[in-house]
Amino acid sequence: NKGLEVIEAKWLFDVNPSDIQVVVQPQSIIHSMVEY
């Protein structure tokens, strides 16, 4: 599922897959982040 989301994020946000980093956050409180 997270792999599918990486591919989806590439298209949604027009970014390179190498610029998408998966981070495990077990409590599911941080839903995702953007680093500028």
PDB file of all heavy atoms in Angstrom:
ATOM      1  N   ASN A   1       0.822  -1.208   0.000  1.00  0.00           N
ATOM      2  CA  ASN A   1       0.000   0.000   0.000  1.00  0.00           C
ATOM      3  C   ASN A   1       0.860   1.263   0.000  1.00  0.00           C
ATOM      4  O   ASN A   1       0.578   2.222  -0.714  1.00  0.00           O
ATOM      5  CB  ASN A   1      -0.927   0.003   1.214  1.00  0.00           C
ATOM      6  CG  ASN A   1      -1.914   1.146   1.193  1.00  0.00           C
ATOM      7  OD1 ASN A   1      -2.638   1.310   0.221  1.00  0.00           O
ATOM      8  ND2 ASN A   1      -1.940   1.945   2.243  1.00  0.00           N
ATOM      9  N   LYS A   2       1.939   1.242   0.788  1.00  0.00           N
ATOM     10  CA  LYS A   2       2.805   2.415   0.841  1.00  0.00           C
ATOM     11  C   LYS A   2       3.539   2.587  -0.488  1.00  0.00           C
ATOM     12  O   LYS A   2       3.794   3.706  -0.922  1.00  0.00           O
ATOM     13  CB  LYS A   2       3.803   2.285   1.989  1.00  0.00           C
ATOM     14  CG  LYS A   2       4.317   3.597   2.523  1.00  0.00           C
ATOM     15  CD  LYS A   2       3.228   4.589   2.883  1.00  0.00           C
ATOM     16  CE  LYS A   2       2.143   4.051   3.774  1.00  0.00           C
ATOM     17  NZ  LYS A   2       1.095   5.054   4.080  1.00  0.00           N
ATOM     18  N   GLY A   3       3.875   1.471  -1.123  1.00  0.00           N
ATOM     19  CA  GLY A   3       4.484   1.552  -2.446  1.00  0.00           C
ATOM     20  C   GLY A   3       3.548   2.167  -3.467  1.00  0.00           C
ATOM     21  O   GLY A   3       3.952   3.008  -4.284  1.00  0.00           O
ATOM     22  N   LEU A   4       2.284   1.758  -3.424  1.00  0.00           N
ATOM     23  CA  LEU A   4       1.285   2.357  -4.318  1.00  0.00           C
ATOM     24  C   LEU A   4       1.159   3.856  -4.047  1.00  0.00           C
ATOM     25  O   LEU A   4       1.014   4.662  -4.980  1.00  0.00           O
ATOM     26  CB  LEU A   4      -0.067   1.667  -4.129  1.00  0.00           C
ATOM     27  CG  LEU A   4      -0.138   0.186  -4.529  1.00  0.00           C
ATOM     28  CD1 LEU A   4      -1.449  -0.425  -4.056  1.00  0.00           C
ATOM     29  CD2 LEU A   4       0.012   0.018  -6.032  1.00  0.00           C
ATOM     30  N   GLU A   5       1.241   4.229  -2.776  1.00  0.00           N
ATOM     31  CA  GLU A   5       1.129   5.645  -2.416  1.00  0.00           C
ATOM     32  C   GLU A   5       2.339   6.452  -2.886  1.00  0.00           C
ATOM     33  O   GLU A   5       2.207   7.633  -3.210  1.00  0.00           O
ATOM     34  CB  GLU A   5       0.937   5.785  -0.907  1.00  0.00           C
ATOM     35  CG  GLU A   5      -0.434   5.334  -0.441  1.00  0.00           C
ATOM     36  CD  GLU A   5      -0.605   5.405   1.064  1.00  0.00           C
ATOM     37  OE1 GLU A   5       0.331   5.851   1.762  1.00  0.00           O
ATOM     38  OE2 GLU A   5      -1.678   5.007   1.548  1.00  0.00           O
ATOM     39  N   VAL A   6       3.512   5.835  -2.921  1.00  0.00           N
ATOM     40  CA  VAL A   6       4.696   6.515  -3.464  1.00  0.00           C
ATOM     41  C   VAL A   6       4.459   6.858  -4.930  1.00  0.00           C
ATOM     42  O   VAL A   6       4.704   7.990  -5.377  1.00  0.00           O
ATOM     43  CB  VAL A   6       5.954   5.629  -3.315  1.00  0.00           C
ATOM     44  CG1 VAL A   6       7.109   6.182  -4.156  1.00  0.00           C
ATOM     45  CG2 VAL A   6       6.379   5.540  -1.853  1.00  0.00           C
ATOM     46  N   ILE A   7       3.954   5.879  -5.696  1.00  0.00           N
ATOM     47  CA  ILE A   7       3.689   6.112  -7.116  1.00  0.00           C
ATOM     48  C   ILE A   7       2.606   7.176  -7.291  1.00  0.00           C
ATOM     49  O   ILE A   7       2.718   8.081  -8.126  1.00  0.00           O
ATOM     50  CB  ILE A   7       3.280   4.800  -7.814  1.00  0.00           C
ATOM     51  CG1 ILE A   7       4.400   3.758  -7.674  1.00  0.00           C
ATOM     52  CG2 ILE A   7       2.955   5.050  -9.286  1.00  0.00           C
ATOM     53  CD1 ILE A   7       4.034   2.372  -8.182  1.00  0.00           C
ATOM     54  N   GLU A   8       1.563   7.082  -6.478  1.00  0.00           N
ATOM     55  CA  GLU A   8       0.472   8.060  -6.537  1.00  0.00           C
ATOM     56  C   GLU A   8       0.982   9.464  -6.217  1.00  0.00           C
ATOM     57  O   GLU A   8       0.627  10.441  -6.883  1.00  0.00           O
ATOM     58  CB  GLU A   8      -0.622   7.652  -5.552  1.00  0.00           C
ATOM     59  CG  GLU A   8      -1.921   8.410  -5.707  1.00  0.00           C
ATOM     60  CD  GLU A   8      -2.992   7.925  -4.748  1.00  0.00           C
ATOM     61  OE1 GLU A   8      -2.716   7.085  -3.879  1.00  0.00           O
ATOM     62  OE2 GLU A   8      -4.125   8.424  -4.874  1.00  0.00           O
ATOM     63  N   ALA A   9       1.835   9.579  -5.197  1.00  0.00           N
ATOM     64  CA  ALA A   9       2.382  10.888  -4.812  1.00  0.00           C
ATOM     65  C   ALA A   9       3.227  11.488  -5.918  1.00  0.00           C
ATOM     66  O   ALA A   9       3.227  12.706  -6.125  1.00  0.00           O
ATOM     67  CB  ALA A   9       3.207  10.750  -3.532  1.00  0.00           C
ATOM     68  N   LYS A  10       3.953  10.637  -6.641  1.00  0.00           N
ATOM     69  CA  LYS A  10       4.766  11.129  -7.762  1.00  0.00           C
ATOM     70  C   LYS A  10       3.907  11.886  -8.771  1.00  0.00           C
ATOM     71  O   LYS A  10       4.278  12.961  -9.258  1.00  0.00           O
ATOM     72  CB  LYS A  10       5.471   9.948  -8.437  1.00  0.00           C
ATOM     73  CG  LYS A  10       6.289  10.331  -9.694  1.00  0.00           C
ATOM     74  CD  LYS A  10       5.565   9.906 -10.951  1.00  0.00           C
ATOM     75  CE  LYS A  10       6.388  10.093 -12.203  1.00  0.00           C
ATOM     76  NZ  LYS A  10       6.782  11.452 -12.511  1.00  0.00           N
ATOM     77  N   TRP A  11       2.726  11.341  -9.065  1.00  0.00           N
ATOM     78  CA  TRP A  11       1.842  11.971 -10.048  1.00  0.00           C
ATOM     79  C   TRP A  11       1.061  13.144  -9.449  1.00  0.00           C
ATOM     80  O   TRP A  11       0.923  14.189 -10.090  1.00  0.00           O
ATOM     81  CB  TRP A  11       0.878  10.931 -10.622  1.00  0.00           C
ATOM     82  CG  TRP A  11       1.567   9.915 -11.467  1.00  0.00           C
ATOM     83  CD1 TRP A  11       1.732   8.577 -11.194  1.00  0.00           C
ATOM     84  CD2 TRP A  11       2.220  10.145 -12.716  1.00  0.00           C
ATOM     85  NE1 TRP A  11       2.441   7.980 -12.192  1.00  0.00           N
ATOM     86  CE2 TRP A  11       2.748   8.907 -13.149  1.00  0.00           C
ATOM     87  CE3 TRP A  11       2.402  11.278 -13.516  1.00  0.00           C
ATOM     88  CZ2 TRP A  11       3.447   8.769 -14.349  1.00  0.00           C
ATOM     89  CZ3 TRP A  11       3.105  11.146 -14.715  1.00  0.00           C
ATOM     90  CH2 TRP A  11       3.621   9.907 -15.114  1.00  0.00           C
ATOM     91  N   LEU A  12       0.557  12.973  -8.244  1.00  0.00           N
ATOM     92  CA  LEU A  12      -0.242  14.027  -7.623  1.00  0.00           C
ATOM     93  C   LEU A  12       0.544  15.315  -7.441  1.00  0.00           C
ATOM     94  O   LEU A  12       0.022  16.417  -7.664  1.00  0.00           O
ATOM     95  CB  LEU A  12      -0.764  13.569  -6.257  1.00  0.00           C
ATOM     96  CG  LEU A  12      -2.079  12.807  -6.201  1.00  0.00           C
ATOM     97  CD1 LEU A  12      -2.306  12.277  -4.801  1.00  0.00           C
ATOM     98  CD2 LEU A  12      -3.247  13.667  -6.653  1.00  0.00           C
ATOM     99  N   PHE A  13       1.802  15.178  -7.022  1.00  0.00           N
ATOM    100  CA  PHE A  13       2.569  16.353  -6.606  1.00  0.00           C
ATOM    101  C   PHE A  13       3.744  16.659  -7.531  1.00  0.00           C
ATOM    102  O   PHE A  13       4.535  17.546  -7.238  1.00  0.00           O
ATOM    103  CB  PHE A  13       3.034  16.163  -5.155  1.00  0.00           C
ATOM    104  CG  PHE A  13       1.892  15.847  -4.223  1.00  0.00           C
ATOM    105  CD1 PHE A  13       1.802  14.606  -3.597  1.00  0.00           C
ATOM    106  CD2 PHE A  13       0.873  16.766  -4.006  1.00  0.00           C
ATOM    107  CE1 PHE A  13       0.729  14.303  -2.762  1.00  0.00           C
ATOM    108  CE2 PHE A  13      -0.204  16.470  -3.181  1.00  0.00           C
ATOM    109  CZ  PHE A  13      -0.272  15.236  -2.554  1.00  0.00           C
ATOM    110  N   ASP A  14       3.835  15.928  -8.645  1.00  0.00           N
ATOM    111  CA  ASP A  14       4.836  16.201  -9.679  1.00  0.00           C
ATOM    112  C   ASP A  14       6.241  16.257  -9.087  1.00  0.00           C
ATOM    113  O   ASP A  14       6.969  17.234  -9.239  1.00  0.00           O
ATOM    114  CB  ASP A  14       4.499  17.517 -10.397  1.00  0.00           C
ATOM    115  CG  ASP A  14       5.360  17.747 -11.630  1.00  0.00           C
ATOM    116  OD1 ASP A  14       5.863  16.760 -12.193  1.00  0.00           O
ATOM    117  OD2 ASP A  14       5.537  18.919 -12.015  1.00  0.00           O
ATOM    118  N   VAL A  15       6.619  15.178  -8.382  1.00  0.00           N
ATOM    119  CA  VAL A  15       7.950  15.084  -7.781  1.00  0.00           C
ATOM    120  C   VAL A  15       8.622  13.800  -8.257  1.00  0.00           C
ATOM    121  O   VAL A  15       7.955  12.852  -8.682  1.00  0.00           O
ATOM    122  CB  VAL A  15       7.889  15.089  -6.233  1.00  0.00           C
ATOM    123  CG1 VAL A  15       7.389  16.426  -5.718  1.00  0.00           C
ATOM    124  CG2 VAL A  15       7.013  13.959  -5.714  1.00  0.00           C
ATOM    125  N   ASN A  16       9.931  13.771  -8.181  1.00  0.00           N
ATOM    126  CA  ASN A  16      10.668  12.555  -8.515  1.00  0.00           C
ATOM    127  C   ASN A  16      10.503  11.531  -7.399  1.00  0.00           C
ATOM    128  O   ASN A  16      10.515  11.892  -6.215  1.00  0.00           O
ATOM    129  CB  ASN A  16      12.153  12.870  -8.692  1.00  0.00           C
ATOM    130  CG  ASN A  16      12.416  13.741  -9.899  1.00  0.00           C
ATOM    131  OD1 ASN A  16      11.787  13.569 -10.947  1.00  0.00           O
ATOM    132  ND2 ASN A  16      13.327  14.685  -9.758  1.00  0.00           N
ATOM    133  N   PRO A  17      10.371  10.246  -7.736  1.00  0.00           N
ATOM    134  CA  PRO A  17      10.268   9.213  -6.688  1.00  0.00           C
ATOM    135  C   PRO A  17      11.432   9.249  -5.711  1.00  0.00           C
ATOM    136  O   PRO A  17      11.255   8.932  -4.525  1.00  0.00           O
ATOM    137  CB  PRO A  17      10.244   7.908  -7.491  1.00  0.00           C
ATOM    138  CG  PRO A  17       9.683   8.296  -8.824  1.00  0.00           C
ATOM    139  CD  PRO A  17      10.201   9.678  -9.084  1.00  0.00           C
ATOM    140  N   SER A  18      12.620   9.651  -6.178  1.00  0.00           N
ATOM    141  CA  SER A  18      13.785   9.728  -5.288  1.00  0.00           C
ATOM    142  C   SER A  18      13.625  10.812  -4.228  1.00  0.00           C
ATOM    143  O   SER A  18      14.348  10.825  -3.224  1.00  0.00           O
ATOM    144  CB  SER A  18      15.053   9.984  -6.100  1.00  0.00           C
ATOM    145  OG  SER A  18      14.947  11.185  -6.840  1.00  0.00           O
ATOM    146  N   ASP A  19      12.669  11.722  -4.440  1.00  0.00           N
ATOM    147  CA  ASP A  19      12.402  12.781  -3.468  1.00  0.00           C
ATOM    148  C   ASP A  19      11.219  12.455  -2.563  1.00  0.00           C
ATOM    149  O   ASP A  19      10.686  13.329  -1.875  1.00  0.00           O
ATOM    150  CB  ASP A  19      12.149  14.111  -4.197  1.00  0.00           C
ATOM    151  CG  ASP A  19      13.391  14.624  -4.909  1.00  0.00           C
ATOM    152  OD1 ASP A  19      14.498  14.369  -4.412  1.00  0.00           O
ATOM    153  OD2 ASP A  19      13.255  15.250  -5.975  1.00  0.00           O
ATOM    154  N   ILE A  20      10.788  11.192  -2.580  1.00  0.00           N
ATOM    155  CA  ILE A  20       9.721  10.720  -1.691  1.00  0.00           C
ATOM    156  C   ILE A  20      10.339   9.716  -0.725  1.00  0.00           C
ATOM    157  O   ILE A  20      10.815   8.657  -1.132  1.00  0.00           O
ATOM    158  CB  ILE A  20       8.571  10.062  -2.477  1.00  0.00           C
ATOM    159  CG1 ILE A  20       8.005  11.024  -3.524  1.00  0.00           C
ATOM    160  CG2 ILE A  20       7.466   9.609  -1.517  1.00  0.00           C
ATOM    161  CD1 ILE A  20       7.035  10.374  -4.486  1.00  0.00           C
ATOM    162  N   GLN A  21      10.355  10.063   0.548  1.00  0.00           N
ATOM    163  CA  GLN A  21      10.963   9.214   1.575  1.00  0.00           C
ATOM    164  C   GLN A  21       9.872   8.669   2.483  1.00  0.00           C
ATOM    165  O   GLN A  21       9.082   9.430   3.042  1.00  0.00           O
ATOM    166  CB  GLN A  21      11.971  10.028   2.399  1.00  0.00           C
ATOM    167  CG  GLN A  21      12.643   9.246   3.522  1.00  0.00           C
ATOM    168  CD  GLN A  21      13.613  10.101   4.322  1.00  0.00           C
ATOM    169  OE1 GLN A  21      14.010  11.179   3.889  1.00  0.00           O
ATOM    170  NE2 GLN A  21      13.975   9.634   5.506  1.00  0.00           N
ATOM    171  N   VAL A  22       9.826   7.353   2.625  1.00  0.00           N
ATOM    172  CA  VAL A  22       8.833   6.719   3.504  1.00  0.00           C
ATOM    173  C   VAL A  22       9.381   6.654   4.926  1.00  0.00           C
ATOM    174  O   VAL A  22      10.517   6.243   5.157  1.00  0.00           O
ATOM    175  CB  VAL A  22       8.469   5.307   2.995  1.00  0.00           C
ATOM    176  CG1 VAL A  22       7.541   4.601   3.986  1.00  0.00           C
ATOM    177  CG2 VAL A  22       7.815   5.394   1.622  1.00  0.00           C
ATOM    178  N   VAL A  23       8.552   7.090   5.875  1.00  0.00           N
ATOM    179  CA  VAL A  23       8.920   7.094   7.294  1.00  0.00           C
ATOM    180  C   VAL A  23       7.834   6.349   8.066  1.00  0.00           C
ATOM    181  O   VAL A  23       6.647   6.650   7.916  1.00  0.00           O
ATOM    182  CB  VAL A  23       9.038   8.540   7.831  1.00  0.00           C
ATOM    183  CG1 VAL A  23       9.385   8.527   9.316  1.00  0.00           C
ATOM    184  CG2 VAL A  23      10.067   9.330   7.044  1.00  0.00           C
ATOM    185  N   VAL A  24       8.218   5.373   8.874  1.00  0.00           N
ATOM    186  CA  VAL A  24       7.254   4.644   9.697  1.00  0.00           C
ATOM    187  C   VAL A  24       6.920   5.478  10.929  1.00  0.00           C
ATOM    188  O   VAL A  24       7.818   5.930  11.650  1.00  0.00           O
ATOM    189  CB  VAL A  24       7.802   3.265  10.111  1.00  0.00           C
ATOM    190  CG1 VAL A  24       6.834   2.573  11.076  1.00  0.00           C
ATOM    191  CG2 VAL A  24       8.031   2.395   8.880  1.00  0.00           C
ATOM    192  N   GLN A  25       5.612   5.697  11.130  1.00  0.00           N
ATOM    193  CA  GLN A  25       5.133   6.472  12.279  1.00  0.00           C
ATOM    194  C   GLN A  25       3.989   5.667  12.901  1.00  0.00           C
ATOM    195  O   GLN A  25       2.826   5.818  12.513  1.00  0.00           O
ATOM    196  CB  GLN A  25       4.667   7.860  11.798  1.00  0.00           C
ATOM    197  CG  GLN A  25       4.689   8.956  12.852  1.00  0.00           C
ATOM    198  CD  GLN A  25       3.584   8.800  13.880  1.00  0.00           C
ATOM    199  OE1 GLN A  25       2.428   9.025  13.594  1.00  0.00           O
ATOM    200  NE2 GLN A  25       3.945   8.394  15.091  1.00  0.00           N
ATOM    201  N   PRO A  26       4.315   4.776  13.840  1.00  0.00           N
ATOM    202  CA  PRO A  26       3.379   3.737  14.274  1.00  0.00           C
ATOM    203  C   PRO A  26       2.071   4.241  14.873  1.00  0.00           C
ATOM    204  O   PRO A  26       1.051   3.560  14.784  1.00  0.00           O
ATOM    205  CB  PRO A  26       4.184   2.945  15.322  1.00  0.00           C
ATOM    206  CG  PRO A  26       5.606   3.243  15.023  1.00  0.00           C
ATOM    207  CD  PRO A  26       5.633   4.637  14.488  1.00  0.00           C
ATOM    208  N   GLN A  27       2.073   5.437  15.509  1.00  0.00           N
ATOM    209  CA  GLN A  27       0.838   5.911  16.146  1.00  0.00           C
ATOM    210  C   GLN A  27      -0.162   6.488  15.137  1.00  0.00           C
ATOM    211  O   GLN A  27      -1.296   6.783  15.493  1.00  0.00           O
ATOM    212  CB  GLN A  27       1.166   6.988  17.193  1.00  0.00           C
ATOM    213  CG  GLN A  27       2.024   6.496  18.347  1.00  0.00           C
ATOM    214  CD  GLN A  27       3.493   6.848  18.159  1.00  0.00           C
ATOM    215  OE1 GLN A  27       3.966   7.062  17.041  1.00  0.00           O
ATOM    216  NE2 GLN A  27       4.236   6.923  19.259  1.00  0.00           N
ATOM    217  N   SER A  28       0.260   6.661  13.883  1.00  0.00           N
ATOM    218  CA  SER A  28      -0.595   7.264  12.844  1.00  0.00           C
ATOM    219  C   SER A  28      -1.150   8.606  13.300  1.00  0.00           C
ATOM    220  O   SER A  28      -2.340   8.910  13.147  1.00  0.00           O
ATOM    221  CB  SER A  28      -1.741   6.311  12.453  1.00  0.00           C
ATOM    222  OG  SER A  28      -1.235   5.147  11.850  1.00  0.00           O
ATOM    223  N   ILE A  29      -0.266   9.421  13.857  1.00  0.00           N
ATOM    224  CA  ILE A  29      -0.623  10.784  14.273  1.00  0.00           C
ATOM    225  C   ILE A  29      -0.100  11.801  13.262  1.00  0.00           C
ATOM    226  O   ILE A  29      -0.811  12.725  12.883  1.00  0.00           O
ATOM    227  CB  ILE A  29      -0.074  11.071  15.681  1.00  0.00           C
ATOM    228  CG1 ILE A  29      -0.860  10.258  16.717  1.00  0.00           C
ATOM    229  CG2 ILE A  29      -0.142  12.567  16.018  1.00  0.00           C
ATOM    230  CD1 ILE A  29      -0.280  10.295  18.104  1.00  0.00           C
ATOM    231  N   ILE A  30       1.159  11.608  12.825  1.00  0.00           N
ATOM    232  CA  ILE A  30       1.671  12.405  11.703  1.00  0.00           C
ATOM    233  C   ILE A  30       1.243  11.705  10.425  1.00  0.00           C
ATOM    234  O   ILE A  30       1.638  10.572  10.166  1.00  0.00           O
ATOM    235  CB  ILE A  30       3.209  12.528  11.739  1.00  0.00           C
ATOM    236  CG1 ILE A  30       3.681  13.162  13.034  1.00  0.00           C
ATOM    237  CG2 ILE A  30       3.707  13.332  10.546  1.00  0.00           C
ATOM    238  CD1 ILE A  30       5.196  13.204  13.170  1.00  0.00           C
ATOM    239  N   HIS A  31       0.436  12.363   9.619  1.00  0.00           N
ATOM    240  CA  HIS A  31      -0.117  11.703   8.433  1.00  0.00           C
ATOM    241  C   HIS A  31       0.767  11.865   7.209  1.00  0.00           C
ATOM    242  O   HIS A  31       0.630  11.079   6.269  1.00  0.00           O
ATOM    243  CB  HIS A  31      -1.540  12.181   8.190  1.00  0.00           C
ATOM    244  CG  HIS A  31      -2.454  11.804   9.308  1.00  0.00           C
ATOM    245  ND1 HIS A  31      -2.655  10.495   9.685  1.00  0.00           N
ATOM    246  CD2 HIS A  31      -3.173  12.552  10.179  1.00  0.00           C
ATOM    247  CE1 HIS A  31      -3.475  10.457  10.719  1.00  0.00           C
ATOM    248  NE2 HIS A  31      -3.797  11.687  11.040  1.00  0.00           N
ATOM    249  N   SER A  32       1.614  12.820   7.187  1.00  0.00           N
ATOM    250  CA  SER A  32       2.721  12.982   6.229  1.00  0.00           C
ATOM    251  C   SER A  32       3.289  14.380   6.403  1.00  0.00           C
ATOM    252  O   SER A  32       2.713  15.227   7.104  1.00  0.00           O
ATOM    253  CB  SER A  32       2.311  12.732   4.773  1.00  0.00           C
ATOM    254  OG  SER A  32       2.340  11.342   4.474  1.00  0.00           O
ATOM    255  N   MET A  33       4.448  14.622   5.747  1.00  0.00           N
ATOM    256  CA  MET A  33       5.166  15.885   5.919  1.00  0.00           C
ATOM    257  C   MET A  33       5.771  16.325   4.585  1.00  0.00           C
ATOM    258  O   MET A  33       5.974  15.498   3.691  1.00  0.00           O
ATOM    259  CB  MET A  33       6.297  15.721   6.945  1.00  0.00           C
ATOM    260  CG  MET A  33       5.839  15.248   8.313  1.00  0.00           C
ATOM    261  SD  MET A  33       7.216  14.765   9.397  1.00  0.00           S
ATOM    262  CE  MET A  33       7.491  13.063   8.875  1.00  0.00           C
ATOM    263  N   VAL A  34       6.059  17.614   4.495  1.00  0.00           N
ATOM    264  CA  VAL A  34       6.791  18.162   3.355  1.00  0.00           C
ATOM    265  C   VAL A  34       7.994  18.926   3.883  1.00  0.00           C
ATOM    266  O   VAL A  34       7.849  19.780   4.770  1.00  0.00           O
ATOM    267  CB  VAL A  34       5.910  19.101   2.496  1.00  0.00           C
ATOM    268  CG1 VAL A  34       6.728  19.720   1.367  1.00  0.00           C
ATOM    269  CG2 VAL A  34       4.711  18.343   1.932  1.00  0.00           C
ATOM    270  N   GLU A  35       9.170  18.591   3.374  1.00  0.00           N
ATOM    271  CA  GLU A  35      10.382  19.327   3.720  1.00  0.00           C
ATOM    272  C   GLU A  35      10.693  20.304   2.593  1.00  0.00           C
ATOM    273  O   GLU A  35      10.678  19.921   1.414  1.00  0.00           O
ATOM    274  CB  GLU A  35      11.558  18.367   3.905  1.00  0.00           C
ATOM    275  CG  GLU A  35      12.863  19.075   4.253  1.00  0.00           C
ATOM    276  CD  GLU A  35      14.045  18.121   4.345  1.00  0.00           C
ATOM    277  OE1 GLU A  35      13.885  17.040   4.962  1.00  0.00           O
ATOM    278  OE2 GLU A  35      15.111  18.447   3.798  1.00  0.00           O
ATOM    279  N   TYR A  36      10.957  21.544   2.972  1.00  0.00           N
ATOM    280  CA  TYR A  36      11.246  22.588   1.985  1.00  0.00           C
ATOM    281  C   TYR A  36      12.749  22.862   1.895  1.00  0.00           C
ATOM    282  O   TYR A  36      13.531  22.410   2.738  1.00  0.00           O
ATOM    283  CB  TYR A  36      10.461  23.853   2.333  1.00  0.00           C
ATOM    284  CG  TYR A  36       8.980  23.670   2.111  1.00  0.00           C
ATOM    285  CD1 TYR A  36       8.150  23.222   3.144  1.00  0.00           C
ATOM    286  CD2 TYR A  36       8.409  23.904   0.867  1.00  0.00           C
ATOM    287  CE1 TYR A  36       6.791  23.024   2.942  1.00  0.00           C
ATOM    288  CE2 TYR A  36       7.052  23.703   0.648  1.00  0.00           C
ATOM    289  CZ  TYR A  36       6.249  23.265   1.686  1.00  0.00           C
ATOM    290  OH  TYR A  36       4.914  23.057   1.470  1.00  0.00           O
TER     291      TYR A  36
END
